[in-house]
Amino acid sequence: MKLSVEVGKYGRIVLPKRVRQKYGMHEGVTLIITEYVGRVCLVPVKIHEKPTEALYGVVTPDQPIEEPKQMARDYIRKKLSEDFQ
């Protein structure tokens, strides 16, 4: 799929309807903007209603965790930063 968009006055772009539908983007969706191999990439952020349940089984602690939500948030931040480097 090759489409083009024009950058507007304030740096805004409008994503074509076909792209929005394909990737489930709608008003209010947050996108991460990153560079990869000299290209600009837009990555939609997935929001989970219960993020700790979404991560169930991903982290296997050696000892009980005092703050499971904080550990989950830290893991997500680390994983996202690794994916975009």
N, C-alpha and C. Protein backbone atom coordinates (compact mmCIF):
# COMPACT_ATOMS: atom_id res chain seq x y z
N MET A 1 0.86 -1.17 0.00
CA MET A 1 0.00 0.00 0.00
C MET A 1 0.90 1.23 0.00
N LYS A 2 0.81 2.05 -1.01
CA LYS A 2 1.56 3.29 -1.07
C LYS A 2 0.58 4.44 -1.14
N LEU A 3 0.61 5.27 -0.14
CA LEU A 3 -0.24 6.45 -0.07
C LEU A 3 0.64 7.62 0.29
N SER A 4 0.20 8.81 0.00
CA SER A 4 0.97 9.98 0.42
C SER A 4 0.05 10.97 1.13
N VAL A 5 0.64 11.72 2.02
CA VAL A 5 -0.09 12.77 2.72
C VAL A 5 0.79 14.02 2.71
N GLU A 6 0.17 15.14 2.91
CA GLU A 6 0.89 16.41 2.93
C GLU A 6 0.96 16.94 4.35
N VAL A 7 2.12 17.46 4.73
CA VAL A 7 2.27 18.05 6.06
C VAL A 7 1.65 19.44 6.01
N GLY A 8 0.76 19.70 6.97
CA GLY A 8 0.05 20.97 7.02
C GLY A 8 0.83 22.07 7.71
N LYS A 9 0.19 23.20 7.86
CA LYS A 9 0.79 24.41 8.41
C LYS A 9 1.45 24.19 9.77
N TYR A 10 0.82 23.47 10.64
CA TYR A 10 1.34 23.26 12.00
C TYR A 10 2.00 21.89 12.15
N GLY A 11 2.42 21.29 11.05
CA GLY A 11 3.06 19.98 11.10
C GLY A 11 2.07 18.84 11.17
N ARG A 12 0.82 19.13 10.96
CA ARG A 12 -0.22 18.11 11.05
C ARG A 12 -0.30 17.30 9.76
N ILE A 13 -0.65 16.03 9.93
CA ILE A 13 -0.94 15.18 8.79
C ILE A 13 -2.28 14.50 9.04
N VAL A 14 -2.94 14.13 7.98
CA VAL A 14 -4.19 13.38 8.09
C VAL A 14 -3.92 11.99 7.54
N LEU A 15 -4.14 10.99 8.37
CA LEU A 15 -3.95 9.61 7.92
C LEU A 15 -5.13 9.19 7.06
N PRO A 16 -4.88 8.59 5.92
CA PRO A 16 -5.98 8.16 5.06
C PRO A 16 -6.91 7.17 5.79
N LYS A 17 -8.17 7.25 5.44
CA LYS A 17 -9.19 6.41 6.08
C LYS A 17 -8.82 4.93 6.01
N ARG A 18 -8.28 4.50 4.88
CA ARG A 18 -7.89 3.10 4.69
C ARG A 18 -6.87 2.66 5.74
N VAL A 19 -5.91 3.53 6.02
CA VAL A 19 -4.87 3.22 7.02
C VAL A 19 -5.48 3.20 8.42
N ARG A 20 -6.31 4.20 8.72
CA ARG A 20 -6.95 4.25 10.04
C ARG A 20 -7.78 3.01 10.30
N GLN A 21 -8.54 2.58 9.31
CA GLN A 21 -9.38 1.39 9.47
C GLN A 21 -8.53 0.13 9.62
N LYS A 22 -7.50 0.01 8.82
CA LYS A 22 -6.66 -1.18 8.85
C LYS A 22 -6.01 -1.37 10.21
N TYR A 23 -5.57 -0.27 10.83
CA TYR A 23 -4.86 -0.36 12.10
C TYR A 23 -5.72 0.02 13.31
N GLY A 24 -7.01 0.19 13.11
CA GLY A 24 -7.92 0.46 14.22
C GLY A 24 -7.68 1.79 14.90
N MET A 25 -7.27 2.78 14.14
CA MET A 25 -7.02 4.11 14.71
C MET A 25 -8.30 4.94 14.66
N HIS A 26 -8.54 5.65 15.73
CA HIS A 26 -9.70 6.53 15.79
C HIS A 26 -9.32 7.75 16.60
N GLU A 27 -10.22 8.69 16.67
CA GLU A 27 -9.94 9.92 17.43
C GLU A 27 -9.56 9.57 18.86
N GLY A 28 -8.48 10.15 19.33
CA GLY A 28 -8.03 9.92 20.70
C GLY A 28 -6.95 8.86 20.83
N VAL A 29 -6.66 8.10 19.77
CA VAL A 29 -5.60 7.09 19.81
C VAL A 29 -4.25 7.80 19.93
N THR A 30 -3.39 7.30 20.80
CA THR A 30 -2.06 7.86 20.97
C THR A 30 -1.09 7.12 20.07
N LEU A 31 -0.22 7.87 19.41
CA LEU A 31 0.80 7.29 18.54
C LEU A 31 2.18 7.63 19.08
N ILE A 32 3.07 6.67 19.03
CA ILE A 32 4.47 6.92 19.35
C ILE A 32 5.15 7.26 18.03
N ILE A 33 5.92 8.34 18.03
CA ILE A 33 6.66 8.73 16.84
C ILE A 33 8.12 8.38 17.08
N THR A 34 8.69 7.62 16.18
CA THR A 34 10.07 7.19 16.33
C THR A 34 10.75 7.18 14.97
N GLU A 35 12.05 7.09 14.99
CA GLU A 35 12.81 6.96 13.75
C GLU A 35 13.38 5.55 13.68
N TYR A 36 13.38 4.99 12.49
CA TYR A 36 13.93 3.66 12.30
C TYR A 36 14.56 3.60 10.92
N VAL A 37 15.84 3.35 10.86
CA VAL A 37 16.60 3.26 9.62
C VAL A 37 16.31 4.47 8.71
N GLY A 38 16.38 5.66 9.29
CA GLY A 38 16.19 6.88 8.51
C GLY A 38 14.76 7.17 8.10
N ARG A 39 13.79 6.52 8.73
CA ARG A 39 12.38 6.74 8.41
C ARG A 39 11.62 7.14 9.66
N VAL A 40 10.56 7.87 9.47
CA VAL A 40 9.68 8.24 10.57
C VAL A 40 8.60 7.18 10.68
N CYS A 41 8.41 6.65 11.87
CA CYS A 41 7.42 5.59 12.09
C CYS A 41 6.39 6.06 13.11
N LEU A 42 5.14 5.76 12.85
CA LEU A 42 4.05 6.03 13.78
C LEU A 42 3.54 4.70 14.29
N VAL A 43 3.56 4.52 15.61
CA VAL A 43 3.16 3.26 16.20
C VAL A 43 2.01 3.51 17.17
N PRO A 44 0.84 2.91 16.93
CA PRO A 44 -0.28 3.10 17.85
C PRO A 44 0.01 2.44 19.20
N VAL A 45 -0.37 3.12 20.27
CA VAL A 45 -0.18 2.60 21.63
C VAL A 45 -1.41 1.78 21.99
N LYS A 46 -1.17 0.56 22.41
CA LYS A 46 -2.28 -0.29 22.85
C LYS A 46 -2.59 0.02 24.31
N ILE A 47 -3.85 0.25 24.59
CA ILE A 47 -4.30 0.52 25.95
C ILE A 47 -5.08 -0.69 26.44
N HIS A 48 -4.67 -1.21 27.57
CA HIS A 48 -5.37 -2.35 28.16
C HIS A 48 -6.15 -1.87 29.37
N GLU A 49 -7.38 -2.36 29.49
CA GLU A 49 -8.20 -1.97 30.65
C GLU A 49 -7.54 -2.42 31.95
N LYS A 50 -6.96 -3.60 31.92
CA LYS A 50 -6.28 -4.13 33.10
C LYS A 50 -4.87 -4.54 32.70
N PRO A 51 -3.92 -3.59 32.71
CA PRO A 51 -2.58 -3.89 32.21
C PRO A 51 -1.87 -5.01 32.95
N THR A 52 -2.13 -5.15 34.23
CA THR A 52 -1.45 -6.23 34.96
C THR A 52 -1.93 -7.59 34.47
N GLU A 53 -3.21 -7.70 34.09
CA GLU A 53 -3.71 -8.96 33.55
C GLU A 53 -3.16 -9.21 32.14
N ALA A 54 -2.94 -8.14 31.37
CA ALA A 54 -2.37 -8.29 30.02
C ALA A 54 -0.96 -8.83 30.09
N LEU A 55 -0.27 -8.58 31.19
CA LEU A 55 1.12 -9.03 31.33
C LEU A 55 1.24 -10.34 32.11
N TYR A 56 0.11 -10.93 32.48
CA TYR A 56 0.15 -12.14 33.29
C TYR A 56 1.00 -13.21 32.62
N GLY A 57 1.97 -13.73 33.34
CA GLY A 57 2.82 -14.78 32.84
C GLY A 57 4.08 -14.31 32.13
N VAL A 58 4.17 -13.01 31.83
CA VAL A 58 5.34 -12.48 31.13
C VAL A 58 6.53 -12.36 32.08
N VAL A 59 6.25 -11.93 33.30
CA VAL A 59 7.31 -11.73 34.29
C VAL A 59 7.23 -12.86 35.31
N THR A 60 8.35 -13.53 35.53
CA THR A 60 8.41 -14.57 36.54
C THR A 60 9.38 -14.12 37.64
N PRO A 61 8.83 -13.59 38.73
CA PRO A 61 9.69 -13.07 39.79
C PRO A 61 10.32 -14.18 40.62
N ASP A 62 11.50 -13.89 41.18
CA ASP A 62 12.18 -14.84 42.07
C ASP A 62 11.61 -14.79 43.48
N GLN A 63 11.03 -13.64 43.80
CA GLN A 63 10.45 -13.45 45.13
C GLN A 63 9.16 -12.64 44.99
N PRO A 64 8.31 -12.60 46.01
CA PRO A 64 7.05 -11.85 45.92
C PRO A 64 7.31 -10.37 45.60
N ILE A 65 6.41 -9.78 44.82
CA ILE A 65 6.55 -8.39 44.40
C ILE A 65 5.66 -7.52 45.27
N GLU A 66 6.27 -6.49 45.85
CA GLU A 66 5.52 -5.57 46.71
C GLU A 66 4.59 -4.66 45.90
N GLU A 67 5.09 -4.17 44.76
CA GLU A 67 4.33 -3.24 43.92
C GLU A 67 4.18 -3.82 42.51
N PRO A 68 3.23 -4.74 42.29
CA PRO A 68 3.12 -5.38 40.97
C PRO A 68 2.78 -4.41 39.84
N LYS A 69 1.93 -3.40 40.12
CA LYS A 69 1.57 -2.45 39.07
C LYS A 69 2.79 -1.63 38.64
N GLN A 70 3.60 -1.21 39.61
CA GLN A 70 4.79 -0.43 39.28
C GLN A 70 5.78 -1.28 38.49
N MET A 71 5.92 -2.52 38.87
CA MET A 71 6.82 -3.42 38.15
C MET A 71 6.34 -3.61 36.71
N ALA A 72 5.03 -3.75 36.53
CA ALA A 72 4.46 -3.89 35.19
C ALA A 72 4.71 -2.65 34.35
N ARG A 73 4.51 -1.48 34.94
CA ARG A 73 4.75 -0.22 34.21
C ARG A 73 6.22 -0.11 33.81
N ASP A 74 7.12 -0.44 34.72
CA ASP A 74 8.56 -0.38 34.42
C ASP A 74 8.92 -1.34 33.30
N TYR A 75 8.34 -2.52 33.33
CA TYR A 75 8.61 -3.52 32.29
C TYR A 75 8.14 -3.01 30.92
N ILE A 76 6.95 -2.43 30.88
CA ILE A 76 6.40 -1.90 29.62
C ILE A 76 7.30 -0.80 29.08
N ARG A 77 7.71 0.13 29.94
CA ARG A 77 8.60 1.22 29.50
C ARG A 77 9.90 0.66 28.92
N LYS A 78 10.48 -0.31 29.62
CA LYS A 78 11.73 -0.92 29.17
C LYS A 78 11.53 -1.60 27.82
N LYS A 79 10.47 -2.37 27.68
CA LYS A 79 10.20 -3.10 26.45
C LYS A 79 9.98 -2.14 25.28
N LEU A 80 9.21 -1.07 25.50
CA LEU A 80 8.97 -0.09 24.44
C LEU A 80 10.26 0.60 24.00
N SER A 81 11.10 0.96 24.97
CA SER A 81 12.35 1.63 24.61
C SER A 81 13.28 0.69 23.86
N GLU A 82 13.28 -0.59 24.19
CA GLU A 82 14.10 -1.57 23.47
C GLU A 82 13.60 -1.76 22.04
N ASP A 83 12.27 -1.79 21.88
CA ASP A 83 11.69 -2.02 20.56
C ASP A 83 11.99 -0.88 19.59
N PHE A 84 12.16 0.33 20.10
CA PHE A 84 12.33 1.48 19.22
C PHE A 84 13.77 1.97 19.14
N GLN A 85 14.70 1.15 19.55
CA GLN A 85 16.11 1.56 19.43
C GLN A 85 16.77 0.84 18.30
